[in-house]
Amino acid sequence: MVSLQGKTAIVTGASSGIGEAIAKHLAHEGANVVLAARRQERLEELAKEIEDTTSVKTKISITDVTKQSEMETLVTETKEEFSSVDMFINNAGVMLLSFLKNDKVEEWEKMIDVNIKGVLFGIHAALPTMLKQESGHIVNVSSVAGHEVFPASSVYSATKYAVRALSMGMEKELSSSGVRVTNVSPGAVSTELPEHITDEEVLDMFKDRQGRITLESDDIARSVVYAVTQPDYVNVNEVMVRPMKK
């Protein structure tokens, strides 16, 4: 494993769940972390926890990933404080599962804005710096739903297929640039994402699945650490992490 000591990572969606876990794990590997999300209090608590348990530096950035200007500011302020952007973790996402017949158009739009445009804005903001550095690593968090479609996941899966397609295209386009790209596709993870679902039929469907085996956010964070700590000539293009059935 390559040391992350002195490297700088930006993590979007860092206020909870997978993003929070990724930030902690990268910090414990020695990387300075920039914590980006909309919930300031949660970010402040996380920053304090990281600085109390590691020797790295943290920075919080109140950022809405659907705003291009805020993503540009996120990268600019990171460079001003840490001089480089070595890792950009496009983690922010929403999972508003619903059946198409229930016509949750506003939720479809929100998933497109956060899950697709948010990732694109992250790439737009971070990639020029990485190309200039001739080094860097972009990690896009997709989903198993970006590989197959489940009942009520049509729009969510469409957004996560898009993230996966972006990752695949970036891998090919950037293969000789020094910038690495990894697509991470988690299976079912115990996070707060399902709490935002409003479709009553989906919620009823979930009741029948209580007690099923799920992953923890730390499981996904470890896969990210694995990818970003490989030697510079190794690019881990795709990681799919699923729970075992018991």
C-alpha atoms as a PDB file:
ATOM      1  CA  MET A   1       0.000   0.000   0.000  1.00  0.00           C
ATOM      2  CA  VAL A   2       1.145   3.513  -0.849  1.00  0.00           C
ATOM      3  CA  SER A   3       1.107   6.034   2.002  1.00  0.00           C
ATOM      4  CA  LEU A   4      -1.439   8.837   1.905  1.00  0.00           C
ATOM      5  CA  GLN A   5       0.595  10.927   4.317  1.00  0.00           C
ATOM      6  CA  GLY A   6       0.423  14.567   3.297  1.00  0.00           C
ATOM      7  CA  LYS A   7      -2.109  13.954   0.531  1.00  0.00           C
ATOM      8  CA  THR A   8      -5.385  15.876   0.360  1.00  0.00           C
ATOM      9  CA  ALA A   9      -8.802  14.363  -0.241  1.00  0.00           C
ATOM     10  CA  ILE A  10     -12.125  16.095  -0.868  1.00  0.00           C
ATOM     11  CA  VAL A  11     -15.162  14.040   0.126  1.00  0.00           C
ATOM     12  CA  THR A  12     -18.650  15.140  -0.893  1.00  0.00           C
ATOM     13  CA  GLY A  13     -21.627  13.974   1.107  1.00  0.00           C
ATOM     14  CA  ALA A  14     -19.309  13.749   4.108  1.00  0.00           C
ATOM     15  CA  SER A  15     -21.878  14.552   6.786  1.00  0.00           C
ATOM     16  CA  SER A  16     -23.143  10.980   7.166  1.00  0.00           C
ATOM     17  CA  GLY A  17     -23.045   7.407   5.974  1.00  0.00           C
ATOM     18  CA  ILE A  18     -20.522   6.310   3.375  1.00  0.00           C
ATOM     19  CA  GLY A  19     -19.008   9.789   2.946  1.00  0.00           C
ATOM     20  CA  GLU A  20     -18.380  10.152   6.671  1.00  0.00           C
ATOM     21  CA  ALA A  21     -16.773   6.704   6.808  1.00  0.00           C
ATOM     22  CA  ILE A  22     -14.568   7.393   3.776  1.00  0.00           C
ATOM     23  CA  ALA A  23     -13.347  10.641   5.329  1.00  0.00           C
ATOM     24  CA  LYS A  24     -12.453   8.901   8.586  1.00  0.00           C
ATOM     25  CA  HIS A  25     -10.620   6.059   6.881  1.00  0.00           C
ATOM     26  CA  LEU A  26      -8.638   8.361   4.589  1.00  0.00           C
ATOM     27  CA  ALA A  27      -7.696  10.518   7.578  1.00  0.00           C
ATOM     28  CA  HIS A  28      -6.491   7.482   9.526  1.00  0.00           C
ATOM     29  CA  GLU A  29      -4.300   6.644   6.519  1.00  0.00           C
ATOM     30  CA  GLY A  30      -2.696  10.093   6.823  1.00  0.00           C
ATOM     31  CA  ALA A  31      -4.622  12.185   4.296  1.00  0.00           C
ATOM     32  CA  ASN A  32      -5.823  15.687   5.059  1.00  0.00           C
ATOM     33  CA  VAL A  33      -9.561  15.739   4.412  1.00  0.00           C
ATOM     34  CA  VAL A  34     -11.906  18.427   3.150  1.00  0.00           C
ATOM     35  CA  LEU A  35     -15.417  17.609   4.308  1.00  0.00           C
ATOM     36  CA  ALA A  36     -18.107  18.854   1.948  1.00  0.00           C
ATOM     37  CA  ALA A  37     -21.864  18.704   2.554  1.00  0.00           C
ATOM     38  CA  ARG A  38     -24.755  20.997   3.438  1.00  0.00           C
ATOM     39  CA  ARG A  39     -25.111  20.184   7.157  1.00  0.00           C
ATOM     40  CA  GLN A  40     -22.597  22.380   8.955  1.00  0.00           C
ATOM     41  CA  GLU A  41     -23.112  20.984  12.451  1.00  0.00           C
ATOM     42  CA  ARG A  42     -22.529  17.406  11.301  1.00  0.00           C
ATOM     43  CA  LEU A  43     -19.372  18.444   9.445  1.00  0.00           C
ATOM     44  CA  GLU A  44     -18.037  20.297  12.477  1.00  0.00           C
ATOM     45  CA  GLU A  45     -18.585  17.238  14.679  1.00  0.00           C
ATOM     46  CA  LEU A  46     -16.812  15.004  12.168  1.00  0.00           C
ATOM     47  CA  ALA A  47     -13.897  17.410  11.773  1.00  0.00           C
ATOM     48  CA  LYS A  48     -13.417  17.512  15.547  1.00  0.00           C
ATOM     49  CA  GLU A  49     -13.543  13.724  15.801  1.00  0.00           C
ATOM     50  CA  ILE A  50     -10.943  13.321  13.060  1.00  0.00           C
ATOM     51  CA  GLU A  51      -8.591  15.930  14.481  1.00  0.00           C
ATOM     52  CA  ASP A  52      -8.941  14.441  17.988  1.00  0.00           C
ATOM     53  CA  THR A  53      -7.982  10.963  16.782  1.00  0.00           C
ATOM     54  CA  THR A  54      -5.405  11.656  14.050  1.00  0.00           C
ATOM     55  CA  SER A  55      -2.629  14.101  13.236  1.00  0.00           C
ATOM     56  CA  VAL A  56      -4.132  15.268   9.937  1.00  0.00           C
ATOM     57  CA  LYS A  57      -5.732  18.587   9.108  1.00  0.00           C
ATOM     58  CA  THR A  58      -9.384  18.987   8.185  1.00  0.00           C
ATOM     59  CA  LYS A  59     -11.413  21.675   6.498  1.00  0.00           C
ATOM     60  CA  ILE A  60     -15.178  21.887   6.258  1.00  0.00           C
ATOM     61  CA  SER A  61     -16.980  23.321   3.270  1.00  0.00           C
ATOM     62  CA  ILE A  62     -20.730  23.937   3.240  1.00  0.00           C
ATOM     63  CA  THR A  63     -21.379  22.784  -0.307  1.00  0.00           C
ATOM     64  CA  ASP A  64     -24.414  21.972  -2.410  1.00  0.00           C
ATOM     65  CA  VAL A  65     -23.130  19.639  -5.127  1.00  0.00           C
ATOM     66  CA  THR A  66     -25.912  20.721  -7.473  1.00  0.00           C
ATOM     67  CA  LYS A  67     -24.415  24.224  -7.643  1.00  0.00           C
ATOM     68  CA  GLN A  68     -21.525  24.462 -10.092  1.00  0.00           C
ATOM     69  CA  SER A  69     -20.128  27.610  -8.477  1.00  0.00           C
ATOM     70  CA  GLU A  70     -20.052  25.993  -5.030  1.00  0.00           C
ATOM     71  CA  MET A  71     -18.129  22.990  -6.354  1.00  0.00           C
ATOM     72  CA  GLU A  72     -15.635  25.325  -8.018  1.00  0.00           C
ATOM     73  CA  THR A  73     -15.231  27.209  -4.737  1.00  0.00           C
ATOM     74  CA  LEU A  74     -14.731  23.910  -2.901  1.00  0.00           C
ATOM     75  CA  VAL A  75     -11.743  23.030  -5.074  1.00  0.00           C
ATOM     76  CA  THR A  76     -10.326  26.565  -5.115  1.00  0.00           C
ATOM     77  CA  GLU A  77     -10.388  26.831  -1.314  1.00  0.00           C
ATOM     78  CA  THR A  78      -8.864  23.368  -0.964  1.00  0.00           C
ATOM     79  CA  LYS A  79      -5.940  24.356  -3.174  1.00  0.00           C
ATOM     80  CA  GLU A  80      -5.470  27.596  -1.244  1.00  0.00           C
ATOM     81  CA  GLU A  81      -5.228  25.695   2.034  1.00  0.00           C
ATOM     82  CA  PHE A  82      -3.468  22.483   1.012  1.00  0.00           C
ATOM     83  CA  SER A  83      -1.829  23.352  -2.342  1.00  0.00           C
ATOM     84  CA  SER A  84      -3.108  20.243  -4.134  1.00  0.00           C
ATOM     85  CA  VAL A  85      -6.151  18.078  -4.723  1.00  0.00           C
ATOM     86  CA  ASP A  86      -4.957  14.490  -4.696  1.00  0.00           C
ATOM     87  CA  MET A  87      -8.287  12.679  -4.319  1.00  0.00           C
ATOM     88  CA  PHE A  88     -11.816  13.774  -5.126  1.00  0.00           C
ATOM     89  CA  ILE A  89     -14.485  11.443  -3.806  1.00  0.00           C
ATOM     90  CA  ASN A  90     -17.775  12.026  -5.640  1.00  0.00           C
ATOM     91  CA  ASN A  91     -19.926  10.420  -2.968  1.00  0.00           C
ATOM     92  CA  ALA A  92     -22.949  12.693  -2.471  1.00  0.00           C
ATOM     93  CA  GLY A  93     -26.134  11.010  -3.642  1.00  0.00           C
ATOM     94  CA  VAL A  94     -29.835  10.475  -3.001  1.00  0.00           C
ATOM     95  CA  MET A  95     -31.878   7.287  -3.373  1.00  0.00           C
ATOM     96  CA  LEU A  96     -35.523   8.248  -3.808  1.00  0.00           C
ATOM     97  CA  LEU A  97     -36.900   4.919  -4.965  1.00  0.00           C
ATOM     98  CA  SER A  98     -40.404   5.030  -6.432  1.00  0.00           C
ATOM     99  CA  PHE A  99     -42.577   3.280  -8.965  1.00  0.00           C
ATOM    100  CA  LEU A 100     -42.852   5.198 -12.225  1.00  0.00           C
ATOM    101  CA  LYS A 101     -46.656   4.968 -12.140  1.00  0.00           C
ATOM    102  CA  ASN A 102     -46.621   7.081  -8.963  1.00  0.00           C
ATOM    103  CA  ASP A 103     -45.157   9.984 -10.957  1.00  0.00           C
ATOM    104  CA  LYS A 104     -42.656  11.405  -8.455  1.00  0.00           C
ATOM    105  CA  VAL A 105     -41.305  13.846 -11.033  1.00  0.00           C
ATOM    106  CA  GLU A 106     -39.713  16.238  -8.535  1.00  0.00           C
ATOM    107  CA  GLU A 107     -37.840  13.320  -6.940  1.00  0.00           C
ATOM    108  CA  TRP A 108     -36.653  12.152 -10.363  1.00  0.00           C
ATOM    109  CA  GLU A 109     -35.272  15.626 -10.978  1.00  0.00           C
ATOM    110  CA  LYS A 110     -33.562  15.709  -7.585  1.00  0.00           C
ATOM    111  CA  MET A 111     -31.791  12.419  -8.281  1.00  0.00           C
ATOM    112  CA  ILE A 112     -30.643  13.680 -11.663  1.00  0.00           C
ATOM    113  CA  ASP A 113     -29.387  16.923 -10.100  1.00  0.00           C
ATOM    114  CA  VAL A 114     -27.499  15.291  -7.218  1.00  0.00           C
ATOM    115  CA  ASN A 115     -26.450  11.918  -8.622  1.00  0.00           C
ATOM    116  CA  ILE A 116     -25.484  12.995 -12.137  1.00  0.00           C
ATOM    117  CA  LYS A 117     -24.988  16.750 -12.266  1.00  0.00           C
ATOM    118  CA  GLY A 118     -23.332  16.759  -8.849  1.00  0.00           C
ATOM    119  CA  VAL A 119     -20.768  14.217 -10.075  1.00  0.00           C
ATOM    120  CA  LEU A 120     -20.219  16.147 -13.290  1.00  0.00           C
ATOM    121  CA  PHE A 121     -19.693  19.381 -11.382  1.00  0.00           C
ATOM    122  CA  GLY A 122     -17.162  17.590  -9.173  1.00  0.00           C
ATOM    123  CA  ILE A 123     -15.279  16.369 -12.221  1.00  0.00           C
ATOM    124  CA  HIS A 124     -15.457  19.832 -13.785  1.00  0.00           C
ATOM    125  CA  ALA A 125     -14.057  21.437 -10.632  1.00  0.00           C
ATOM    126  CA  ALA A 126     -11.302  18.941  -9.793  1.00  0.00           C
ATOM    127  CA  LEU A 127     -10.045  17.570 -13.102  1.00  0.00           C
ATOM    128  CA  PRO A 128      -8.195  20.668 -14.436  1.00  0.00           C
ATOM    129  CA  THR A 129      -6.079  20.799 -11.264  1.00  0.00           C
ATOM    130  CA  MET A 130      -5.292  17.098 -11.448  1.00  0.00           C
ATOM    131  CA  LEU A 131      -4.344  17.329 -15.120  1.00  0.00           C
ATOM    132  CA  LYS A 132      -2.019  20.224 -14.322  1.00  0.00           C
ATOM    133  CA  GLN A 133      -0.485  18.195 -11.463  1.00  0.00           C
ATOM    134  CA  GLU A 134      -0.302  15.139 -13.757  1.00  0.00           C
ATOM    135  CA  SER A 135      -1.621  13.172 -10.798  1.00  0.00           C
ATOM    136  CA  GLY A 136      -4.796  12.646  -8.862  1.00  0.00           C
ATOM    137  CA  HIS A 137      -7.552  10.143  -8.229  1.00  0.00           C
ATOM    138  CA  ILE A 138     -11.274  10.603  -8.817  1.00  0.00           C
ATOM    139  CA  VAL A 139     -13.537   8.106  -7.071  1.00  0.00           C
ATOM    140  CA  ASN A 140     -17.154   8.027  -8.203  1.00  0.00           C
ATOM    141  CA  VAL A 141     -19.604   6.252  -5.915  1.00  0.00           C
ATOM    142  CA  SER A 142     -22.185   4.507  -8.067  1.00  0.00           C
ATOM    143  CA  SER A 143     -24.237   1.520  -6.887  1.00  0.00           C
ATOM    144  CA  VAL A 144     -25.091  -2.088  -7.632  1.00  0.00           C
ATOM    145  CA  ALA A 145     -28.199  -0.369  -9.033  1.00  0.00           C
ATOM    146  CA  GLY A 146     -25.833   0.958 -11.709  1.00  0.00           C
ATOM    147  CA  HIS A 147     -25.361  -2.632 -12.893  1.00  0.00           C
ATOM    148  CA  GLU A 148     -28.911  -3.975 -12.658  1.00  0.00           C
ATOM    149  CA  VAL A 149     -32.394  -2.563 -12.203  1.00  0.00           C
ATOM    150  CA  PHE A 150     -34.726  -3.500  -9.365  1.00  0.00           C
ATOM    151  CA  PRO A 151     -38.455  -2.847  -8.890  1.00  0.00           C
ATOM    152  CA  ALA A 152     -38.922   0.877  -8.167  1.00  0.00           C
ATOM    153  CA  SER A 153     -35.274   1.676  -8.967  1.00  0.00           C
ATOM    154  CA  SER A 154     -35.772   2.712 -12.601  1.00  0.00           C
ATOM    155  CA  VAL A 155     -34.781   6.373 -12.238  1.00  0.00           C
ATOM    156  CA  TYR A 156     -32.275   5.787  -9.445  1.00  0.00           C
ATOM    157  CA  SER A 157     -30.643   3.053 -11.506  1.00  0.00           C
ATOM    158  CA  ALA A 158     -30.593   5.344 -14.537  1.00  0.00           C
ATOM    159  CA  THR A 159     -28.601   7.910 -12.548  1.00  0.00           C
ATOM    160  CA  LYS A 160     -26.190   5.304 -11.221  1.00  0.00           C
ATOM    161  CA  TYR A 161     -25.723   3.726 -14.656  1.00  0.00           C
ATOM    162  CA  ALA A 162     -24.812   7.244 -15.790  1.00  0.00           C
ATOM    163  CA  VAL A 163     -22.177   7.552 -13.060  1.00  0.00           C
ATOM    164  CA  ARG A 164     -20.739   4.195 -14.074  1.00  0.00           C
ATOM    165  CA  ALA A 165     -20.685   5.194 -17.753  1.00  0.00           C
ATOM    166  CA  LEU A 166     -18.910   8.437 -16.843  1.00  0.00           C
ATOM    167  CA  SER A 167     -16.335   6.486 -14.892  1.00  0.00           C
ATOM    168  CA  MET A 168     -15.731   4.089 -17.772  1.00  0.00           C
ATOM    169  CA  GLY A 169     -15.276   6.950 -20.219  1.00  0.00           C
ATOM    170  CA  MET A 170     -12.962   8.815 -17.861  1.00  0.00           C
ATOM    171  CA  GLU A 171     -10.792   5.730 -17.358  1.00  0.00           C
ATOM    172  CA  LYS A 172     -10.174   5.515 -21.099  1.00  0.00           C
ATOM    173  CA  GLU A 173      -9.770   9.236 -21.699  1.00  0.00           C
ATOM    174  CA  LEU A 174      -7.394   9.808 -18.773  1.00  0.00           C
ATOM    175  CA  SER A 175      -5.384   6.589 -18.878  1.00  0.00           C
ATOM    176  CA  SER A 176      -2.166   8.327 -19.943  1.00  0.00           C
ATOM    177  CA  SER A 177      -2.681  11.567 -17.995  1.00  0.00           C
ATOM    178  CA  GLY A 178      -1.592  10.462 -14.521  1.00  0.00           C
ATOM    179  CA  VAL A 179      -5.162  10.822 -13.244  1.00  0.00           C
ATOM    180  CA  ARG A 180      -6.747   7.613 -12.011  1.00  0.00           C
ATOM    181  CA  VAL A 181     -10.471   6.853 -11.881  1.00  0.00           C
ATOM    182  CA  THR A 182     -12.304   4.319  -9.743  1.00  0.00           C
ATOM    183  CA  ASN A 183     -16.003   3.492  -9.813  1.00  0.00           C
ATOM    184  CA  VAL A 184     -17.268   2.036  -6.529  1.00  0.00           C
ATOM    185  CA  SER A 185     -20.601   0.198  -6.586  1.00  0.00           C
ATOM    186  CA  PRO A 186     -21.961  -0.634  -3.121  1.00  0.00           C
ATOM    187  CA  GLY A 187     -24.766  -3.092  -2.556  1.00  0.00           C
ATOM    188  CA  ALA A 188     -27.243  -2.614   0.269  1.00  0.00           C
ATOM    189  CA  VAL A 189     -25.615  -0.451   2.952  1.00  0.00           C
ATOM    190  CA  SER A 190     -27.024   0.523   6.332  1.00  0.00           C
ATOM    191  CA  THR A 191     -27.270   4.321   5.898  1.00  0.00           C
ATOM    192  CA  GLU A 192     -29.936   7.015   6.178  1.00  0.00           C
ATOM    193  CA  LEU A 193     -30.633   7.004   2.411  1.00  0.00           C
ATOM    194  CA  PRO A 194     -33.820   4.893   2.630  1.00  0.00           C
ATOM    195  CA  GLU A 195     -35.231   7.316   5.211  1.00  0.00           C
ATOM    196  CA  HIS A 196     -35.901   9.853   2.455  1.00  0.00           C
ATOM    197  CA  ILE A 197     -38.129   7.571   0.375  1.00  0.00           C
ATOM    198  CA  THR A 198     -41.716   8.859   0.180  1.00  0.00           C
ATOM    199  CA  ASP A 199     -43.381   6.262  -2.057  1.00  0.00           C
ATOM    200  CA  GLU A 200     -45.682   4.320   0.271  1.00  0.00           C
ATOM    201  CA  GLU A 201     -45.602   1.220  -1.939  1.00  0.00           C
ATOM    202  CA  VAL A 202     -41.827   1.125  -1.761  1.00  0.00           C
ATOM    203  CA  LEU A 203     -41.893   1.625   1.995  1.00  0.00           C
ATOM    204  CA  ASP A 204     -44.304  -1.309   2.307  1.00  0.00           C
ATOM    205  CA  MET A 205     -41.972  -3.391   0.158  1.00  0.00           C
ATOM    206  CA  PHE A 206     -39.073  -2.514   2.443  1.00  0.00           C
ATOM    207  CA  LYS A 207     -41.007  -3.696   5.493  1.00  0.00           C
ATOM    208  CA  ASP A 208     -40.902  -7.210   4.080  1.00  0.00           C
ATOM    209  CA  ARG A 209     -37.103  -6.991   3.881  1.00  0.00           C
ATOM    210  CA  GLN A 210     -36.422  -6.094   7.489  1.00  0.00           C
ATOM    211  CA  GLY A 211     -33.674  -8.203   8.976  1.00  0.00           C
ATOM    212  CA  ARG A 212     -31.849  -8.735   5.691  1.00  0.00           C
ATOM    213  CA  ILE A 213     -28.071  -8.654   5.685  1.00  0.00           C
ATOM    214  CA  THR A 214     -26.612  -5.249   4.785  1.00  0.00           C
ATOM    215  CA  LEU A 215     -23.145  -3.759   4.561  1.00  0.00           C
ATOM    216  CA  GLU A 216     -21.800  -1.037   6.839  1.00  0.00           C
ATOM    217  CA  SER A 217     -20.381   2.247   5.586  1.00  0.00           C
ATOM    218  CA  ASP A 218     -16.935   1.196   6.800  1.00  0.00           C
ATOM    219  CA  ASP A 219     -17.006  -1.711   4.341  1.00  0.00           C
ATOM    220  CA  ILE A 220     -17.276   0.714   1.443  1.00  0.00           C
ATOM    221  CA  ALA A 221     -14.675   3.061   2.932  1.00  0.00           C
ATOM    222  CA  ARG A 222     -12.151   0.221   3.069  1.00  0.00           C
ATOM    223  CA  SER A 223     -12.663  -0.450  -0.630  1.00  0.00           C
ATOM    224  CA  VAL A 224     -11.950   3.215  -1.392  1.00  0.00           C
ATOM    225  CA  VAL A 225      -8.777   3.102   0.704  1.00  0.00           C
ATOM    226  CA  TYR A 226      -7.707  -0.016  -1.190  1.00  0.00           C
ATOM    227  CA  ALA A 227      -8.140   1.722  -4.541  1.00  0.00           C
ATOM    228  CA  VAL A 228      -6.356   4.969  -3.655  1.00  0.00           C
ATOM    229  CA  THR A 229      -3.384   3.313  -1.942  1.00  0.00           C
ATOM    230  CA  GLN A 230      -2.268   1.274  -4.939  1.00  0.00           C
ATOM    231  CA  PRO A 231       0.994   2.215  -6.694  1.00  0.00           C
ATOM    232  CA  ASP A 232       0.724   5.042  -9.229  1.00  0.00           C
ATOM    233  CA  TYR A 233       0.867   2.633 -12.169  1.00  0.00           C
ATOM    234  CA  VAL A 234      -2.148   0.651 -10.856  1.00  0.00           C
ATOM    235  CA  ASN A 235      -5.667   1.878 -11.590  1.00  0.00           C
ATOM    236  CA  VAL A 236      -8.456  -0.017  -9.859  1.00  0.00           C
ATOM    237  CA  ASN A 237     -11.225   0.826 -12.322  1.00  0.00           C
ATOM    238  CA  GLU A 238     -14.187  -0.873 -10.684  1.00  0.00           C
ATOM    239  CA  VAL A 239     -15.064  -2.166  -7.235  1.00  0.00           C
ATOM    240  CA  MET A 240     -18.388  -3.843  -6.490  1.00  0.00           C
ATOM    241  CA  VAL A 241     -19.114  -4.591  -2.826  1.00  0.00           C
ATOM    242  CA  ARG A 242     -22.083  -6.761  -1.877  1.00  0.00           C
ATOM    243  CA  PRO A 243     -23.218  -8.374   1.373  1.00  0.00           C
ATOM    244  CA  MET A 244     -23.031 -12.129   1.726  1.00  0.00           C
ATOM    245  CA  LYS A 245     -26.286 -14.057   2.099  1.00  0.00           C
ATOM    246  CA  LYS A 246     -26.715 -16.093   5.260  1.00  0.00           C
END
